């Protein structure tokens, strides 16, 4: 069964491995684990998957459908919901999936929203070169040519200033260095997109 878990990014640190080398790790935590809200089957839904819910959501800000959906799993409404596609599902509705579903040495893919950088110009955002900084130059950090005159329009794909960051990114084939079950913590080798306390979706690696 393909494994998955919704977690929070705590931050980064470093640990010593058995051979004495230092390994940078990202600390991911799933307090109280994830609740299985629904199990989808090939016969009823056209594909096989299980749905996970993470972090309790107050009923007064939940819709009636969210409350009813959670009651089927005998739990409270959840702030975040995600699906994990898998063929041989052994979980049932209402089961709680915790960090010990992963083991030391597993390969995982992590999906998260990167840090937002706000509005950025073409040099910072797109890596364009600046113009001459001499006094006679009238072009320093501008966007450059907008294209030829003849089309009377700007072609699609023209790199312009815009919002930078806050993009959904997936990092593949990260190694699980350690799992601390009593603290609901997973240590993943390397860095993970997003800020501290950001939501991260950890799944079994598809290319391993």
N, C-alpha and C. Protein backbone atom coordinates (compact mmCIF):
# COMPACT_ATOMS: atom_id res chain seq x y z
N UNK A 1 0.84 -1.20 0.00
CA UNK A 1 0.00 0.00 0.00
C UNK A 1 0.87 1.25 0.00
N UNK A 2 0.53 2.20 -0.85
CA UNK A 2 1.27 3.46 -0.89
C UNK A 2 0.87 4.30 0.32
N UNK A 3 1.87 4.80 1.03
CA UNK A 3 1.63 5.52 2.28
C UNK A 3 1.60 7.03 2.06
N UNK A 4 0.88 7.72 2.95
CA UNK A 4 0.79 9.18 2.88
C UNK A 4 0.45 9.76 4.23
N UNK A 5 0.81 11.04 4.44
CA UNK A 5 0.57 11.69 5.73
C UNK A 5 0.64 13.20 5.56
N UNK A 6 -0.31 13.90 6.16
CA UNK A 6 -0.28 15.36 6.23
C UNK A 6 0.41 15.77 7.53
N UNK A 7 1.41 16.66 7.42
CA UNK A 7 2.21 17.03 8.58
C UNK A 7 2.46 18.54 8.55
N UNK A 8 3.04 19.02 9.64
CA UNK A 8 3.48 20.42 9.73
C UNK A 8 5.01 20.46 9.74
N UNK A 9 5.56 21.45 9.05
CA UNK A 9 7.01 21.64 9.05
C UNK A 9 7.41 22.41 10.31
N UNK A 10 8.25 21.80 11.14
CA UNK A 10 8.69 22.44 12.37
C UNK A 10 9.91 23.32 12.11
N UNK A 11 10.84 22.83 11.30
CA UNK A 11 12.05 23.56 11.00
C UNK A 11 13.16 22.61 10.61
N UNK A 12 14.38 23.13 10.55
CA UNK A 12 15.54 22.31 10.18
C UNK A 12 16.54 22.21 11.32
N UNK A 13 17.26 21.12 11.34
CA UNK A 13 18.33 20.91 12.32
C UNK A 13 19.33 19.96 11.69
N UNK A 14 20.26 19.46 12.47
CA UNK A 14 21.22 18.49 11.97
C UNK A 14 21.44 17.41 13.03
N UNK A 15 21.71 16.20 12.58
CA UNK A 15 21.95 15.09 13.49
C UNK A 15 23.22 14.35 13.03
N UNK A 16 23.77 13.56 13.95
CA UNK A 16 24.93 12.74 13.63
C UNK A 16 24.47 11.34 13.26
N UNK A 17 24.94 10.84 12.13
CA UNK A 17 24.63 9.48 11.72
C UNK A 17 25.55 8.49 12.43
N UNK A 18 25.30 7.23 12.21
CA UNK A 18 26.07 6.19 12.89
C UNK A 18 27.55 6.23 12.54
N UNK A 19 27.88 6.67 11.32
CA UNK A 19 29.28 6.73 10.92
C UNK A 19 29.96 8.03 11.34
N UNK A 20 29.22 8.90 12.07
CA UNK A 20 29.80 10.13 12.58
C UNK A 20 29.62 11.34 11.70
N UNK A 21 29.05 11.18 10.50
CA UNK A 21 28.85 12.32 9.62
C UNK A 21 27.62 13.12 10.05
N UNK A 22 27.64 14.42 9.72
CA UNK A 22 26.52 15.29 10.05
C UNK A 22 25.52 15.28 8.89
N UNK A 23 24.24 15.12 9.22
CA UNK A 23 23.19 15.07 8.21
C UNK A 23 22.17 16.17 8.47
N UNK A 24 21.95 17.10 7.52
CA UNK A 24 20.90 18.10 7.70
C UNK A 24 19.53 17.48 7.50
N UNK A 25 18.61 17.75 8.41
CA UNK A 25 17.28 17.15 8.34
C UNK A 25 16.20 18.21 8.55
N UNK A 26 15.03 17.94 8.00
CA UNK A 26 13.85 18.76 8.25
C UNK A 26 12.93 18.00 9.20
N UNK A 27 12.45 18.68 10.23
CA UNK A 27 11.58 18.07 11.24
C UNK A 27 10.13 18.27 10.82
N UNK A 28 9.42 17.18 10.63
CA UNK A 28 8.00 17.20 10.26
C UNK A 28 7.20 16.55 11.38
N UNK A 29 6.10 17.19 11.76
CA UNK A 29 5.32 16.70 12.91
C UNK A 29 3.85 16.61 12.54
N UNK A 30 3.23 15.51 12.98
CA UNK A 30 1.79 15.30 12.79
C UNK A 30 1.18 14.97 14.14
N UNK A 31 0.81 16.01 14.89
CA UNK A 31 0.22 15.81 16.21
C UNK A 31 -1.15 15.14 16.05
N UNK A 32 -1.35 14.06 16.79
CA UNK A 32 -2.59 13.28 16.77
C UNK A 32 -2.81 12.53 15.47
N UNK A 33 -1.88 12.63 14.53
CA UNK A 33 -1.96 11.86 13.30
C UNK A 33 -3.05 12.33 12.35
N UNK A 34 -3.32 11.49 11.34
CA UNK A 34 -4.37 11.75 10.34
C UNK A 34 -5.48 10.72 10.49
N UNK A 35 -6.70 11.17 10.27
CA UNK A 35 -7.86 10.27 10.34
C UNK A 35 -8.31 9.91 8.93
N UNK A 36 -8.58 8.64 8.72
CA UNK A 36 -9.09 8.18 7.42
C UNK A 36 -10.57 8.55 7.34
N UNK A 37 -10.90 9.50 6.46
CA UNK A 37 -12.28 9.98 6.34
C UNK A 37 -13.09 9.17 5.34
N UNK A 38 -12.40 8.60 4.34
CA UNK A 38 -13.13 7.87 3.29
C UNK A 38 -12.17 6.93 2.59
N UNK A 39 -12.71 5.80 2.16
CA UNK A 39 -11.96 4.84 1.34
C UNK A 39 -12.69 4.69 0.02
N UNK A 40 -12.02 5.05 -1.06
CA UNK A 40 -12.62 4.99 -2.38
C UNK A 40 -12.19 3.71 -3.09
N UNK A 41 -13.14 3.08 -3.76
CA UNK A 41 -12.88 1.80 -4.43
C UNK A 41 -13.08 1.94 -5.93
N UNK A 42 -12.53 1.00 -6.65
CA UNK A 42 -12.63 1.02 -8.10
C UNK A 42 -14.07 0.82 -8.56
N UNK A 43 -14.84 0.04 -7.81
CA UNK A 43 -16.23 -0.24 -8.20
C UNK A 43 -17.12 0.97 -8.01
N UNK A 44 -16.96 1.70 -6.90
CA UNK A 44 -17.86 2.81 -6.59
C UNK A 44 -17.39 4.15 -7.15
N UNK A 45 -16.07 4.37 -7.18
CA UNK A 45 -15.56 5.70 -7.52
C UNK A 45 -14.72 5.72 -8.79
N UNK A 46 -14.41 4.57 -9.33
CA UNK A 46 -13.62 4.54 -10.55
C UNK A 46 -12.13 4.49 -10.32
N UNK A 47 -11.69 4.66 -9.10
CA UNK A 47 -10.27 4.55 -8.75
C UNK A 47 -10.16 4.19 -7.28
N UNK A 48 -8.98 3.71 -6.89
CA UNK A 48 -8.76 3.25 -5.53
C UNK A 48 -7.90 4.26 -4.78
N UNK A 49 -8.39 4.74 -3.64
CA UNK A 49 -7.65 5.73 -2.85
C UNK A 49 -8.26 5.80 -1.45
N UNK A 50 -7.50 6.40 -0.54
CA UNK A 50 -8.05 6.69 0.79
C UNK A 50 -7.82 8.16 1.10
N UNK A 51 -8.76 8.73 1.83
CA UNK A 51 -8.78 10.17 2.12
C UNK A 51 -8.37 10.43 3.56
N UNK A 52 -7.42 11.34 3.75
CA UNK A 52 -6.90 11.66 5.08
C UNK A 52 -7.35 13.06 5.50
N UNK A 53 -7.66 13.21 6.79
CA UNK A 53 -8.00 14.50 7.36
C UNK A 53 -7.02 14.86 8.46
N UNK A 54 -6.62 16.14 8.50
CA UNK A 54 -5.58 16.57 9.44
C UNK A 54 -6.00 17.87 10.13
N UNK A 55 -5.86 17.92 11.43
CA UNK A 55 -6.14 19.07 12.30
C UNK A 55 -7.64 19.35 12.41
N UNK A 56 -8.08 19.46 13.63
CA UNK A 56 -9.50 19.67 13.92
C UNK A 56 -9.95 21.07 13.50
N UNK A 57 -11.11 21.11 12.88
CA UNK A 57 -11.73 22.37 12.46
C UNK A 57 -13.00 22.60 13.27
N UNK A 58 -13.21 23.79 13.78
CA UNK A 58 -14.37 24.07 14.61
C UNK A 58 -15.65 23.89 13.80
N UNK A 59 -16.66 23.33 14.45
CA UNK A 59 -17.92 23.07 13.74
C UNK A 59 -18.62 24.35 13.32
N UNK A 60 -18.43 25.42 14.09
CA UNK A 60 -19.15 26.67 13.77
C UNK A 60 -18.64 27.31 12.47
N UNK A 61 -17.44 26.91 12.02
CA UNK A 61 -16.93 27.43 10.76
C UNK A 61 -16.90 26.33 9.69
N UNK A 62 -17.53 25.20 9.98
CA UNK A 62 -17.58 24.09 9.03
C UNK A 62 -18.94 24.05 8.35
N UNK A 63 -18.97 23.54 7.14
CA UNK A 63 -20.24 23.38 6.44
C UNK A 63 -20.93 22.11 6.92
N UNK A 64 -22.22 22.01 6.63
CA UNK A 64 -22.98 20.83 7.04
C UNK A 64 -22.44 19.57 6.38
N UNK A 65 -22.01 19.70 5.14
CA UNK A 65 -21.48 18.53 4.44
C UNK A 65 -20.16 18.07 5.06
N UNK A 66 -19.33 19.02 5.51
CA UNK A 66 -18.08 18.65 6.17
C UNK A 66 -18.33 17.93 7.49
N UNK A 67 -19.31 18.43 8.24
CA UNK A 67 -19.65 17.80 9.52
C UNK A 67 -20.20 16.39 9.30
N UNK A 68 -21.08 16.24 8.32
CA UNK A 68 -21.67 14.93 8.05
C UNK A 68 -20.61 13.96 7.54
N UNK A 69 -19.70 14.46 6.72
CA UNK A 69 -18.63 13.61 6.18
C UNK A 69 -17.71 13.11 7.31
N UNK A 70 -17.43 13.98 8.27
CA UNK A 70 -16.56 13.59 9.38
C UNK A 70 -17.26 12.62 10.33
N UNK A 71 -18.57 12.78 10.50
CA UNK A 71 -19.31 11.90 11.42
C UNK A 71 -19.29 10.45 10.94
N UNK A 72 -19.19 10.25 9.63
CA UNK A 72 -19.11 8.87 9.11
C UNK A 72 -17.85 8.17 9.60
N UNK A 73 -16.82 8.98 9.87
CA UNK A 73 -15.57 8.43 10.39
C UNK A 73 -15.48 8.56 11.90
N UNK A 74 -16.59 9.00 12.53
CA UNK A 74 -16.65 9.17 13.98
C UNK A 74 -15.57 10.13 14.48
N UNK A 75 -15.44 11.27 13.80
CA UNK A 75 -14.44 12.26 14.17
C UNK A 75 -15.00 13.66 13.93
N UNK A 76 -14.18 14.67 14.19
CA UNK A 76 -14.57 16.06 13.98
C UNK A 76 -14.17 16.52 12.59
N UNK A 77 -14.75 17.61 12.09
CA UNK A 77 -14.33 18.14 10.78
C UNK A 77 -12.84 18.47 10.78
N UNK A 78 -12.21 18.33 9.62
CA UNK A 78 -10.77 18.54 9.50
C UNK A 78 -10.46 19.76 8.63
N UNK A 79 -9.39 20.47 9.02
CA UNK A 79 -8.99 21.65 8.27
C UNK A 79 -8.40 21.30 6.91
N UNK A 80 -7.64 20.20 6.85
CA UNK A 80 -6.96 19.82 5.62
C UNK A 80 -7.33 18.39 5.26
N UNK A 81 -7.59 18.18 3.98
CA UNK A 81 -7.98 16.86 3.48
C UNK A 81 -7.13 16.56 2.24
N UNK A 82 -6.65 15.33 2.16
CA UNK A 82 -5.85 14.92 1.00
C UNK A 82 -6.10 13.45 0.71
N UNK A 83 -5.89 13.05 -0.54
CA UNK A 83 -6.09 11.68 -0.96
C UNK A 83 -4.76 11.03 -1.33
N UNK A 84 -4.67 9.75 -1.04
CA UNK A 84 -3.52 8.95 -1.42
C UNK A 84 -4.01 7.79 -2.28
N UNK A 85 -3.57 7.75 -3.52
CA UNK A 85 -3.98 6.66 -4.40
C UNK A 85 -3.16 5.41 -4.12
N UNK A 86 -3.86 4.31 -3.98
CA UNK A 86 -3.20 3.04 -3.68
C UNK A 86 -4.11 1.90 -4.10
N UNK A 87 -3.51 0.80 -4.50
CA UNK A 87 -4.29 -0.34 -4.98
C UNK A 87 -4.70 -1.28 -3.85
N UNK A 88 -3.75 -1.64 -3.00
CA UNK A 88 -4.03 -2.61 -1.94
C UNK A 88 -4.20 -1.88 -0.60
N UNK A 89 -5.37 -1.28 -0.40
CA UNK A 89 -5.63 -0.49 0.80
C UNK A 89 -6.04 -1.41 1.94
N UNK A 90 -5.37 -1.26 3.07
CA UNK A 90 -5.68 -2.07 4.26
C UNK A 90 -6.29 -1.23 5.37
N UNK A 91 -6.58 0.04 5.11
CA UNK A 91 -7.15 0.93 6.13
C UNK A 91 -8.66 0.94 6.03
N UNK A 92 -9.30 1.28 7.15
CA UNK A 92 -10.74 1.42 7.22
C UNK A 92 -11.10 2.84 7.62
N UNK A 93 -12.34 3.23 7.34
CA UNK A 93 -12.81 4.57 7.71
C UNK A 93 -12.76 4.71 9.23
N UNK A 94 -12.18 5.80 9.71
CA UNK A 94 -12.06 6.03 11.15
C UNK A 94 -10.69 5.68 11.71
N UNK A 95 -9.88 4.94 10.96
CA UNK A 95 -8.53 4.61 11.43
C UNK A 95 -7.67 5.87 11.52
N UNK A 96 -6.73 5.86 12.44
CA UNK A 96 -5.80 6.98 12.63
C UNK A 96 -4.43 6.56 12.12
N UNK A 97 -3.90 7.33 11.18
CA UNK A 97 -2.58 7.07 10.61
C UNK A 97 -1.59 8.01 11.28
N UNK A 98 -0.54 7.44 11.85
CA UNK A 98 0.46 8.24 12.55
C UNK A 98 1.81 8.15 11.83
N UNK A 99 2.80 8.82 12.40
CA UNK A 99 4.10 8.92 11.74
C UNK A 99 4.79 7.56 11.60
N UNK A 100 4.43 6.61 12.46
CA UNK A 100 5.09 5.31 12.38
C UNK A 100 4.65 4.50 11.17
N UNK A 101 3.76 5.08 10.34
CA UNK A 101 3.46 4.42 9.06
C UNK A 101 4.68 4.43 8.16
N UNK A 102 5.58 5.42 8.38
CA UNK A 102 6.86 5.45 7.67
C UNK A 102 7.95 4.85 8.55
N UNK A 103 8.97 4.33 7.90
CA UNK A 103 10.08 3.72 8.63
C UNK A 103 11.39 4.33 8.19
N UNK A 104 12.37 4.18 9.04
CA UNK A 104 13.71 4.68 8.74
C UNK A 104 14.24 4.04 7.46
N UNK A 105 14.70 4.88 6.55
CA UNK A 105 15.22 4.38 5.28
C UNK A 105 14.24 4.47 4.13
N UNK A 106 12.96 4.80 4.40
CA UNK A 106 11.97 4.94 3.32
C UNK A 106 12.31 6.14 2.45
N UNK A 107 11.92 6.06 1.19
CA UNK A 107 12.02 7.19 0.27
C UNK A 107 10.64 7.82 0.13
N UNK A 108 10.58 9.15 0.22
CA UNK A 108 9.30 9.86 0.19
C UNK A 108 9.37 11.04 -0.76
N UNK A 109 8.20 11.43 -1.25
CA UNK A 109 8.02 12.68 -1.99
C UNK A 109 7.27 13.65 -1.08
N UNK A 110 7.74 14.89 -1.00
CA UNK A 110 7.08 15.89 -0.15
C UNK A 110 6.53 17.01 -1.03
N UNK A 111 5.29 17.38 -0.76
CA UNK A 111 4.61 18.42 -1.52
C UNK A 111 4.20 19.54 -0.57
N UNK A 112 4.56 20.77 -0.91
CA UNK A 112 4.27 21.90 -0.02
C UNK A 112 4.23 23.18 -0.84
N UNK A 113 3.78 24.26 -0.21
CA UNK A 113 3.75 25.59 -0.82
C UNK A 113 4.98 26.36 -0.39
N UNK A 114 5.75 26.83 -1.36
CA UNK A 114 7.00 27.53 -1.06
C UNK A 114 6.73 28.88 -0.40
N UNK A 115 7.77 29.46 0.17
CA UNK A 115 7.65 30.76 0.83
C UNK A 115 7.26 31.84 -0.18
N UNK A 116 6.36 32.72 0.21
CA UNK A 116 5.97 33.84 -0.63
C UNK A 116 6.97 34.98 -0.52
N UNK A 117 7.37 35.54 -1.66
CA UNK A 117 8.35 36.62 -1.68
C UNK A 117 7.74 37.97 -2.05
N UNK A 118 6.43 37.98 -2.32
CA UNK A 118 5.79 39.24 -2.69
C UNK A 118 6.04 39.59 -4.15
N UNK A 119 5.80 40.87 -4.47
CA UNK A 119 5.94 41.36 -5.85
C UNK A 119 7.42 41.53 -6.17
N UNK A 120 7.86 40.98 -7.30
CA UNK A 120 9.28 41.02 -7.66
C UNK A 120 9.44 41.44 -9.12
N UNK A 121 10.56 42.10 -9.39
CA UNK A 121 10.86 42.55 -10.75
C UNK A 121 11.50 41.46 -11.58
N UNK A 122 11.82 41.78 -12.85
CA UNK A 122 12.32 40.74 -13.77
C UNK A 122 13.71 40.22 -13.41
N UNK A 123 14.54 41.03 -12.76
CA UNK A 123 15.89 40.58 -12.42
C UNK A 123 15.83 39.55 -11.30
N UNK A 124 15.08 39.82 -10.26
CA UNK A 124 14.97 38.89 -9.15
C UNK A 124 14.10 37.68 -9.51
N UNK A 125 13.01 37.93 -10.21
CA UNK A 125 12.04 36.87 -10.50
C UNK A 125 12.50 35.96 -11.63
N UNK A 126 12.98 36.54 -12.72
CA UNK A 126 13.28 35.77 -13.93
C UNK A 126 14.76 35.63 -14.23
N UNK A 127 15.62 36.27 -13.42
CA UNK A 127 17.05 36.15 -13.63
C UNK A 127 17.57 36.92 -14.82
N UNK A 128 16.88 37.98 -15.24
CA UNK A 128 17.34 38.78 -16.36
C UNK A 128 18.55 39.63 -15.95
N UNK A 129 19.34 40.04 -16.96
CA UNK A 129 20.49 40.91 -16.71
C UNK A 129 20.05 42.37 -16.66
N UNK A 130 20.74 43.14 -15.86
CA UNK A 130 20.42 44.57 -15.79
C UNK A 130 21.15 45.31 -16.90
N UNK A 131 20.71 46.54 -17.15
CA UNK A 131 21.37 47.37 -18.14
C UNK A 131 22.59 48.07 -17.55
N UNK A 132 23.31 48.87 -18.38
CA UNK A 132 24.47 49.60 -17.88
C UNK A 132 24.07 50.57 -16.77
N UNK A 133 24.91 50.68 -15.75
CA UNK A 133 24.60 51.56 -14.62
C UNK A 133 25.25 52.93 -14.77
N UNK A 134 25.79 53.24 -15.96
CA UNK A 134 26.40 54.55 -16.19
C UNK A 134 25.33 55.63 -16.23
N UNK A 135 25.76 56.89 -16.10
CA UNK A 135 24.80 58.00 -16.02
C UNK A 135 24.06 58.22 -17.33
N UNK A 136 24.69 57.88 -18.45
CA UNK A 136 24.02 58.12 -19.73
C UNK A 136 22.97 57.08 -20.05
N UNK A 137 23.00 55.95 -19.35
CA UNK A 137 22.04 54.89 -19.66
C UNK A 137 20.68 55.22 -19.07
N UNK A 138 19.65 54.92 -19.84
CA UNK A 138 18.28 55.12 -19.36
C UNK A 138 17.59 53.78 -19.10
N UNK A 139 18.38 52.71 -19.10
CA UNK A 139 17.81 51.38 -18.84
C UNK A 139 18.67 50.68 -17.79
N UNK A 140 18.10 50.43 -16.61
CA UNK A 140 18.85 49.79 -15.54
C UNK A 140 18.23 48.45 -15.14
N UNK A 141 17.04 48.48 -14.59
CA UNK A 141 16.41 47.26 -14.11
C UNK A 141 15.02 47.08 -14.73
N UNK A 142 14.84 47.57 -15.91
CA UNK A 142 13.54 47.49 -16.57
C UNK A 142 13.25 46.12 -17.15
N UNK A 143 12.10 45.98 -17.79
CA UNK A 143 11.67 44.69 -18.32
C UNK A 143 12.17 44.47 -19.74
N UNK A 144 12.78 45.49 -20.37
CA UNK A 144 13.30 45.31 -21.72
C UNK A 144 12.21 45.45 -22.77
N UNK A 145 12.51 44.96 -23.96
CA UNK A 145 11.58 45.08 -25.08
C UNK A 145 10.32 44.26 -24.84
N UNK A 146 9.19 44.83 -25.21
CA UNK A 146 7.92 44.12 -25.10
C UNK A 146 7.58 43.38 -26.39
N UNK A 147 8.47 43.43 -27.38
CA UNK A 147 8.24 42.73 -28.63
C UNK A 147 8.23 43.68 -29.81
N UNK A 148 8.06 43.12 -31.00
CA UNK A 148 8.04 43.93 -32.23
C UNK A 148 6.78 44.77 -32.31
N UNK A 149 6.82 45.79 -33.18
CA UNK A 149 5.66 46.68 -33.35
C UNK A 149 4.54 45.99 -34.11
N UNK A 150 4.89 45.17 -35.11
CA UNK A 150 3.91 44.65 -36.05
C UNK A 150 2.75 43.88 -35.42
N UNK A 151 2.97 43.01 -34.43
CA UNK A 151 1.80 42.26 -33.91
C UNK A 151 0.81 43.14 -33.16
N UNK A 152 1.26 44.31 -32.69
CA UNK A 152 0.40 45.21 -31.91
C UNK A 152 -0.14 44.57 -30.63
N UNK A 153 0.64 43.68 -30.11
CA UNK A 153 0.27 43.04 -28.85
C UNK A 153 1.52 42.42 -28.22
N UNK A 154 1.39 42.01 -26.97
CA UNK A 154 2.48 41.33 -26.27
C UNK A 154 2.22 39.83 -26.32
N UNK A 155 3.22 39.08 -26.78
CA UNK A 155 3.04 37.64 -26.91
C UNK A 155 2.94 36.96 -25.55
N UNK A 156 2.19 35.86 -25.52
CA UNK A 156 2.10 35.07 -24.30
C UNK A 156 3.48 34.52 -23.93
N UNK A 157 3.75 34.47 -22.63
CA UNK A 157 5.03 33.95 -22.18
C UNK A 157 6.06 35.03 -21.92
N UNK A 158 5.74 36.30 -22.26
CA UNK A 158 6.67 37.39 -21.99
C UNK A 158 6.90 37.49 -20.47
N UNK A 159 8.16 37.47 -20.08
CA UNK A 159 8.49 37.50 -18.65
C UNK A 159 8.37 38.92 -18.11
N UNK A 160 7.46 39.09 -17.20
CA UNK A 160 7.14 40.40 -16.64
C UNK A 160 7.22 40.35 -15.12
N UNK A 161 7.28 41.50 -14.46
CA UNK A 161 7.22 41.50 -12.99
C UNK A 161 5.90 40.92 -12.50
N UNK A 162 5.96 40.17 -11.43
CA UNK A 162 4.74 39.57 -10.89
C UNK A 162 5.03 39.05 -9.49
N UNK A 163 4.06 38.33 -8.95
CA UNK A 163 4.21 37.75 -7.61
C UNK A 163 5.25 36.63 -7.66
N UNK A 164 6.10 36.59 -6.64
CA UNK A 164 7.16 35.58 -6.57
C UNK A 164 6.94 34.69 -5.36
N UNK A 165 7.10 33.40 -5.54
CA UNK A 165 6.94 32.46 -4.44
C UNK A 165 5.49 32.05 -4.25
N UNK A 166 5.23 31.34 -3.14
CA UNK A 166 3.90 30.79 -2.85
C UNK A 166 3.46 29.85 -3.96
N UNK A 167 4.41 29.07 -4.49
CA UNK A 167 4.13 28.10 -5.53
C UNK A 167 4.08 26.70 -4.92
N UNK A 168 3.22 25.84 -5.46
CA UNK A 168 3.18 24.44 -5.02
C UNK A 168 4.36 23.70 -5.63
N UNK A 169 5.18 23.11 -4.78
CA UNK A 169 6.38 22.43 -5.25
C UNK A 169 6.46 21.03 -4.64
N UNK A 170 6.99 20.08 -5.40
CA UNK A 170 7.20 18.71 -4.93
C UNK A 170 8.68 18.37 -5.02
N UNK A 171 9.24 17.87 -3.93
CA UNK A 171 10.62 17.40 -3.90
C UNK A 171 10.57 15.88 -3.79
N UNK A 172 11.24 15.22 -4.72
CA UNK A 172 11.14 13.76 -4.81
C UNK A 172 12.35 13.06 -4.20
N UNK A 173 12.10 11.84 -3.78
CA UNK A 173 13.14 10.90 -3.34
C UNK A 173 13.96 11.41 -2.16
N UNK A 174 13.29 11.96 -1.16
CA UNK A 174 13.97 12.30 0.08
C UNK A 174 13.98 11.07 0.99
N UNK A 175 15.01 10.96 1.81
CA UNK A 175 15.17 9.79 2.68
C UNK A 175 14.66 10.09 4.08
N UNK A 176 13.90 9.16 4.65
CA UNK A 176 13.48 9.27 6.04
C UNK A 176 14.66 8.84 6.91
N UNK A 177 15.24 9.79 7.64
CA UNK A 177 16.41 9.51 8.47
C UNK A 177 16.01 8.84 9.77
N UNK A 178 14.89 9.28 10.36
CA UNK A 178 14.45 8.70 11.63
C UNK A 178 12.97 9.00 11.83
N UNK A 179 12.31 8.17 12.62
CA UNK A 179 10.90 8.37 13.00
C UNK A 179 10.83 8.31 14.52
N UNK A 180 10.37 9.41 15.14
CA UNK A 180 10.24 9.48 16.60
C UNK A 180 8.75 9.42 16.91
N UNK A 181 8.25 8.21 17.17
CA UNK A 181 6.80 8.00 17.29
C UNK A 181 6.22 8.70 18.51
N UNK A 182 6.95 8.71 19.64
CA UNK A 182 6.37 9.29 20.85
C UNK A 182 6.24 10.81 20.76
N UNK A 183 6.93 11.44 19.82
CA UNK A 183 6.81 12.88 19.61
C UNK A 183 6.11 13.23 18.30
N UNK A 184 5.59 12.20 17.61
CA UNK A 184 4.89 12.39 16.32
C UNK A 184 5.76 13.12 15.31
N UNK A 185 7.02 12.74 15.22
CA UNK A 185 7.99 13.46 14.40
C UNK A 185 8.62 12.53 13.38
N UNK A 186 8.79 13.07 12.16
CA UNK A 186 9.56 12.41 11.11
C UNK A 186 10.74 13.31 10.76
N UNK A 187 11.93 12.73 10.67
CA UNK A 187 13.11 13.48 10.25
C UNK A 187 13.43 13.08 8.81
N UNK A 188 13.40 14.08 7.90
CA UNK A 188 13.62 13.84 6.48
C UNK A 188 14.93 14.51 6.07
N UNK A 189 15.76 13.79 5.34
CA UNK A 189 17.05 14.34 4.93
C UNK A 189 16.87 15.47 3.92
N UNK A 190 17.57 16.58 4.15
CA UNK A 190 17.52 17.71 3.23
C UNK A 190 16.44 18.71 3.61
N UNK A 191 16.17 19.62 2.67
CA UNK A 191 15.20 20.67 2.95
C UNK A 191 13.86 20.39 2.27
N UNK A 192 12.84 21.03 2.81
CA UNK A 192 11.46 20.86 2.36
C UNK A 192 10.90 22.26 2.07
N UNK A 193 10.15 22.43 0.98
CA UNK A 193 9.61 23.77 0.67
C UNK A 193 8.69 24.28 1.77
N UNK A 194 8.58 25.61 1.87
CA UNK A 194 7.61 26.23 2.75
C UNK A 194 8.20 26.80 4.02
N UNK A 195 7.43 27.64 4.70
CA UNK A 195 7.89 28.25 5.95
C UNK A 195 7.68 27.31 7.13
N UNK A 196 8.14 27.73 8.28
CA UNK A 196 7.87 26.99 9.51
C UNK A 196 6.37 26.99 9.77
N UNK A 197 5.87 25.90 10.28
CA UNK A 197 4.44 25.67 10.52
C UNK A 197 3.66 25.50 9.23
N UNK A 198 4.36 25.40 8.10
CA UNK A 198 3.67 25.19 6.83
C UNK A 198 3.18 23.76 6.69
N UNK A 199 2.11 23.58 5.91
CA UNK A 199 1.54 22.26 5.68
C UNK A 199 2.36 21.51 4.64
N UNK A 200 2.65 20.24 4.93
CA UNK A 200 3.44 19.40 4.03
C UNK A 200 2.71 18.07 3.84
N UNK A 201 2.67 17.61 2.61
CA UNK A 201 2.05 16.32 2.28
C UNK A 201 3.17 15.34 1.94
N UNK A 202 3.34 14.32 2.77
CA UNK A 202 4.40 13.32 2.60
C UNK A 202 3.79 12.05 2.03
N UNK A 203 4.36 11.56 0.94
CA UNK A 203 3.86 10.34 0.30
C UNK A 203 5.02 9.42 -0.06
N UNK A 204 4.72 8.16 -0.23
CA UNK A 204 5.73 7.22 -0.69
C UNK A 204 6.24 7.65 -2.07
N UNK A 205 7.55 7.56 -2.27
CA UNK A 205 8.15 7.99 -3.50
C UNK A 205 7.64 7.14 -4.66
N UNK A 206 7.28 7.78 -5.77
CA UNK A 206 6.74 7.05 -6.92
C UNK A 206 7.84 6.57 -7.85
N UNK A 207 9.05 7.10 -7.71
CA UNK A 207 10.15 6.71 -8.61
C UNK A 207 11.14 5.78 -7.93
N UNK A 208 10.81 5.28 -6.75
CA UNK A 208 11.67 4.34 -6.07
C UNK A 208 10.97 3.00 -5.92
